Amino acid sequence: MTLYVRTKAFYRSRKYLIDGVLYLAREVGVKLNVIDTLFYPRLNAGLIANQCCDLNDYELYCCGPDLFSIRLKKKLDDYQFDIEKYYHEELLVMR
């Protein structure tokens, strides 16, 4: 029996927040890619695609402003990313 583990991408802003997540990911066999905001302060579809190569090997989780998510999904579509299947979001309404 072959076990296929989907790859996760994670965007971070503080090192201490990711150390535990990286440890847990390794423990359960999940490949976790980190996009470091110290080097790449603006997250966008191009940055994700460059970092992750074939985006359909990933599930992307977006928690942020609704306008950011809308724009990100439009740009991810340019990379033939299956948004319906692999994109998850929790939207914040900014006032």
N, C-alpha and C. Protein backbone atom coordinates (compact mmCIF):
# COMPACT_ATOMS: atom_id res chain seq x y z
N MET A 1 0.84 -1.18 0.00
CA MET A 1 0.00 0.00 0.00
C MET A 1 0.89 1.24 0.00
N THR A 2 0.62 2.17 -0.89
CA THR A 2 1.38 3.41 -0.97
C THR A 2 0.60 4.52 -0.31
N LEU A 3 1.25 5.24 0.59
CA LEU A 3 0.63 6.37 1.26
C LEU A 3 1.15 7.65 0.60
N TYR A 4 0.25 8.43 0.04
CA TYR A 4 0.62 9.69 -0.60
C TYR A 4 0.27 10.83 0.33
N VAL A 5 1.25 11.61 0.71
CA VAL A 5 1.04 12.74 1.61
C VAL A 5 1.13 14.02 0.78
N ARG A 6 0.05 14.80 0.79
CA ARG A 6 0.06 16.07 0.07
C ARG A 6 1.04 17.02 0.74
N THR A 7 1.62 17.88 -0.05
CA THR A 7 2.56 18.86 0.45
C THR A 7 1.83 20.12 0.86
N LYS A 8 2.28 20.75 1.92
CA LYS A 8 1.67 21.98 2.41
C LYS A 8 2.65 23.14 2.22
N ALA A 9 2.13 24.32 1.96
CA ALA A 9 2.95 25.54 1.91
C ALA A 9 2.52 26.42 3.07
N PHE A 10 3.48 27.05 3.71
CA PHE A 10 3.18 27.85 4.90
C PHE A 10 3.94 29.16 4.80
N TYR A 11 3.26 30.24 5.04
CA TYR A 11 3.83 31.58 4.97
C TYR A 11 3.98 32.08 6.40
N ARG A 12 5.14 32.62 6.75
CA ARG A 12 5.35 33.00 8.15
C ARG A 12 5.94 34.39 8.29
N SER A 13 5.81 34.94 9.48
CA SER A 13 6.40 36.23 9.76
C SER A 13 7.33 36.21 10.97
N ARG A 14 7.27 35.18 11.80
CA ARG A 14 8.14 35.09 12.97
C ARG A 14 8.66 33.66 13.10
N LYS A 15 9.97 33.54 13.28
CA LYS A 15 10.61 32.23 13.33
C LYS A 15 10.03 31.33 14.42
N TYR A 16 9.79 31.84 15.60
CA TYR A 16 9.33 30.99 16.69
C TYR A 16 7.97 30.36 16.40
N LEU A 17 7.19 30.95 15.50
CA LEU A 17 5.88 30.39 15.17
C LEU A 17 5.99 29.14 14.30
N ILE A 18 7.05 29.03 13.54
CA ILE A 18 7.15 27.93 12.58
C ILE A 18 7.93 26.72 13.11
N ASP A 19 8.82 26.92 14.07
CA ASP A 19 9.66 25.81 14.54
C ASP A 19 8.86 24.60 14.98
N GLY A 20 7.83 24.81 15.77
CA GLY A 20 6.99 23.70 16.22
C GLY A 20 6.22 23.05 15.09
N VAL A 21 5.75 23.87 14.15
CA VAL A 21 5.01 23.34 13.00
C VAL A 21 5.93 22.48 12.13
N LEU A 22 7.16 22.94 11.91
CA LEU A 22 8.12 22.14 11.12
C LEU A 22 8.39 20.80 11.80
N TYR A 23 8.56 20.83 13.10
CA TYR A 23 8.80 19.59 13.85
C TYR A 23 7.62 18.63 13.69
N LEU A 24 6.41 19.12 13.90
CA LEU A 24 5.22 18.27 13.79
C LEU A 24 5.05 17.74 12.36
N ALA A 25 5.33 18.56 11.38
CA ALA A 25 5.22 18.13 9.99
C ALA A 25 6.16 16.96 9.71
N ARG A 26 7.40 17.08 10.16
CA ARG A 26 8.37 16.00 9.97
C ARG A 26 7.91 14.72 10.66
N GLU A 27 7.34 14.86 11.85
CA GLU A 27 6.88 13.70 12.63
C GLU A 27 5.81 12.90 11.90
N VAL A 28 4.96 13.57 11.14
CA VAL A 28 3.86 12.87 10.46
C VAL A 28 4.11 12.69 8.96
N GLY A 29 5.31 13.07 8.48
CA GLY A 29 5.67 12.84 7.10
C GLY A 29 5.10 13.83 6.10
N VAL A 30 4.84 15.05 6.55
CA VAL A 30 4.33 16.09 5.66
C VAL A 30 5.48 17.00 5.25
N LYS A 31 5.62 17.23 3.96
CA LYS A 31 6.63 18.17 3.47
C LYS A 31 6.06 19.58 3.60
N LEU A 32 6.76 20.43 4.30
CA LEU A 32 6.29 21.79 4.56
C LEU A 32 7.26 22.78 3.95
N ASN A 33 6.79 23.62 3.04
CA ASN A 33 7.60 24.68 2.47
C ASN A 33 7.32 25.98 3.21
N VAL A 34 8.36 26.71 3.55
CA VAL A 34 8.21 27.97 4.26
C VAL A 34 8.64 29.10 3.35
N ILE A 35 7.79 30.09 3.21
CA ILE A 35 8.14 31.32 2.50
C ILE A 35 8.41 32.36 3.56
N ASP A 36 9.65 32.76 3.69
CA ASP A 36 10.11 33.61 4.79
C ASP A 36 9.87 35.08 4.48
N THR A 37 9.05 35.72 5.30
CA THR A 37 8.72 37.13 5.07
C THR A 37 9.88 38.07 5.40
N LEU A 38 10.90 37.55 6.03
CA LEU A 38 12.09 38.38 6.23
C LEU A 38 12.79 38.65 4.91
N PHE A 39 12.70 37.71 3.98
CA PHE A 39 13.33 37.85 2.67
C PHE A 39 12.34 38.22 1.58
N TYR A 40 11.10 37.79 1.72
CA TYR A 40 10.04 38.02 0.74
C TYR A 40 8.84 38.64 1.45
N PRO A 41 8.84 39.96 1.66
CA PRO A 41 7.78 40.56 2.49
C PRO A 41 6.39 40.58 1.87
N ARG A 42 6.26 40.41 0.58
CA ARG A 42 4.94 40.45 -0.07
C ARG A 42 4.61 39.10 -0.68
N LEU A 43 3.63 38.44 -0.14
CA LEU A 43 3.20 37.14 -0.67
C LEU A 43 2.37 37.36 -1.91
N ASN A 44 2.68 36.61 -2.97
CA ASN A 44 1.91 36.69 -4.21
C ASN A 44 2.00 35.36 -4.94
N ALA A 45 1.20 35.20 -5.96
CA ALA A 45 1.13 33.93 -6.70
C ALA A 45 2.47 33.59 -7.36
N GLY A 46 3.17 34.59 -7.89
CA GLY A 46 4.47 34.33 -8.52
C GLY A 46 5.48 33.78 -7.54
N LEU A 47 5.52 34.35 -6.35
CA LEU A 47 6.44 33.87 -5.32
C LEU A 47 6.10 32.44 -4.91
N ILE A 48 4.83 32.17 -4.74
CA ILE A 48 4.41 30.81 -4.38
C ILE A 48 4.79 29.83 -5.49
N ALA A 49 4.54 30.18 -6.73
CA ALA A 49 4.86 29.30 -7.86
C ALA A 49 6.36 29.06 -7.97
N ASN A 50 7.17 30.11 -7.77
CA ASN A 50 8.63 29.95 -7.83
C ASN A 50 9.15 29.05 -6.73
N GLN A 51 8.56 29.16 -5.57
CA GLN A 51 9.00 28.40 -4.41
C GLN A 51 8.53 26.94 -4.48
N CYS A 52 7.36 26.71 -5.05
CA CYS A 52 6.73 25.40 -4.96
C CYS A 52 6.69 24.61 -6.27
N CYS A 53 7.09 25.20 -7.37
CA CYS A 53 7.08 24.54 -8.68
C CYS A 53 5.67 24.14 -9.09
N ASP A 54 5.37 22.85 -9.12
CA ASP A 54 4.04 22.40 -9.55
C ASP A 54 3.03 22.64 -8.44
N LEU A 55 2.26 23.69 -8.57
CA LEU A 55 1.34 24.09 -7.51
C LEU A 55 0.28 23.04 -7.20
N ASN A 56 -0.06 22.20 -8.15
CA ASN A 56 -1.08 21.19 -7.90
C ASN A 56 -0.58 20.02 -7.06
N ASP A 57 0.69 20.09 -6.63
CA ASP A 57 1.20 19.15 -5.64
C ASP A 57 0.98 19.68 -4.23
N TYR A 58 0.37 20.86 -4.13
CA TYR A 58 0.20 21.55 -2.85
C TYR A 58 -1.26 21.84 -2.55
N GLU A 59 -1.53 21.98 -1.28
CA GLU A 59 -2.78 22.58 -0.83
C GLU A 59 -2.40 23.91 -0.22
N LEU A 60 -3.08 24.96 -0.62
CA LEU A 60 -2.79 26.30 -0.12
C LEU A 60 -3.90 26.74 0.82
N TYR A 61 -3.50 27.29 1.96
CA TYR A 61 -4.43 27.79 2.96
C TYR A 61 -4.20 29.29 3.10
N CYS A 62 -5.24 30.06 2.90
CA CYS A 62 -5.15 31.51 2.99
C CYS A 62 -6.06 32.01 4.09
N CYS A 63 -5.47 32.72 5.04
CA CYS A 63 -6.25 33.37 6.09
C CYS A 63 -5.86 34.84 6.04
N GLY A 64 -6.77 35.67 5.60
CA GLY A 64 -6.43 37.08 5.46
C GLY A 64 -7.58 37.87 4.89
N PRO A 65 -7.28 39.10 4.48
CA PRO A 65 -8.31 39.98 3.93
C PRO A 65 -8.96 39.39 2.68
N ASP A 66 -10.26 39.61 2.52
CA ASP A 66 -10.98 39.04 1.39
C ASP A 66 -10.44 39.53 0.05
N LEU A 67 -10.06 40.78 -0.06
CA LEU A 67 -9.53 41.29 -1.33
C LEU A 67 -8.21 40.64 -1.70
N PHE A 68 -7.37 40.37 -0.70
CA PHE A 68 -6.11 39.68 -0.97
C PHE A 68 -6.39 38.29 -1.53
N SER A 69 -7.31 37.56 -0.91
CA SER A 69 -7.63 36.21 -1.36
C SER A 69 -8.20 36.21 -2.78
N ILE A 70 -9.06 37.16 -3.07
CA ILE A 70 -9.64 37.25 -4.42
C ILE A 70 -8.55 37.46 -5.46
N ARG A 71 -7.64 38.39 -5.19
CA ARG A 71 -6.55 38.67 -6.13
C ARG A 71 -5.60 37.49 -6.25
N LEU A 72 -5.30 36.84 -5.13
CA LEU A 72 -4.40 35.69 -5.15
C LEU A 72 -5.00 34.56 -5.99
N LYS A 73 -6.29 34.28 -5.81
CA LYS A 73 -6.93 33.23 -6.60
C LYS A 73 -6.89 33.54 -8.09
N LYS A 74 -7.13 34.80 -8.46
CA LYS A 74 -7.07 35.17 -9.88
C LYS A 74 -5.68 34.91 -10.46
N LYS A 75 -4.65 35.27 -9.70
CA LYS A 75 -3.27 35.06 -10.18
C LYS A 75 -2.88 33.59 -10.18
N LEU A 76 -3.35 32.83 -9.19
CA LEU A 76 -3.05 31.40 -9.15
C LEU A 76 -3.65 30.69 -10.35
N ASP A 77 -4.77 31.19 -10.83
CA ASP A 77 -5.41 30.62 -12.02
C ASP A 77 -4.48 30.70 -13.23
N ASP A 78 -3.63 31.72 -13.29
CA ASP A 78 -2.66 31.85 -14.38
C ASP A 78 -1.65 30.70 -14.38
N TYR A 79 -1.47 30.07 -13.24
CA TYR A 79 -0.53 28.95 -13.11
C TYR A 79 -1.23 27.59 -13.19
N GLN A 80 -2.47 27.57 -13.68
CA GLN A 80 -3.28 26.36 -13.80
C GLN A 80 -3.44 25.63 -12.47
N PHE A 81 -3.49 26.39 -11.39
CA PHE A 81 -3.70 25.82 -10.06
C PHE A 81 -5.19 25.50 -9.89
N ASP A 82 -5.48 24.30 -9.43
CA ASP A 82 -6.86 23.86 -9.23
C ASP A 82 -7.40 24.47 -7.93
N ILE A 83 -7.95 25.66 -8.05
CA ILE A 83 -8.41 26.42 -6.89
C ILE A 83 -9.54 25.71 -6.16
N GLU A 84 -10.46 25.14 -6.91
CA GLU A 84 -11.61 24.46 -6.28
C GLU A 84 -11.17 23.29 -5.41
N LYS A 85 -10.12 22.62 -5.81
CA LYS A 85 -9.70 21.41 -5.13
C LYS A 85 -8.66 21.66 -4.03
N TYR A 86 -7.72 22.60 -4.25
CA TYR A 86 -6.56 22.72 -3.38
C TYR A 86 -6.42 24.07 -2.66
N TYR A 87 -7.37 24.96 -2.81
CA TYR A 87 -7.29 26.28 -2.17
C TYR A 87 -8.32 26.36 -1.06
N HIS A 88 -7.86 26.71 0.12
CA HIS A 88 -8.73 26.83 1.29
C HIS A 88 -8.55 28.23 1.85
N GLU A 89 -9.64 28.82 2.31
CA GLU A 89 -9.52 30.19 2.80
C GLU A 89 -10.40 30.44 4.01
N GLU A 90 -9.93 31.35 4.83
CA GLU A 90 -10.71 31.91 5.92
C GLU A 90 -10.54 33.42 5.78
N LEU A 91 -11.60 34.09 5.40
CA LEU A 91 -11.50 35.49 5.02
C LEU A 91 -11.78 36.43 6.19
N LEU A 92 -11.06 37.53 6.18
CA LEU A 92 -11.26 38.59 7.16
C LEU A 92 -11.82 39.79 6.41
N VAL A 93 -12.84 40.39 6.95
CA VAL A 93 -13.40 41.59 6.35
C VAL A 93 -12.71 42.78 7.01
N MET A 94 -11.96 43.53 6.20
CA MET A 94 -11.22 44.69 6.72
C MET A 94 -12.12 45.92 6.66
N ARG A 95 -12.12 46.69 7.72
CA ARG A 95 -12.94 47.90 7.76
C ARG A 95 -12.10 49.13 7.60
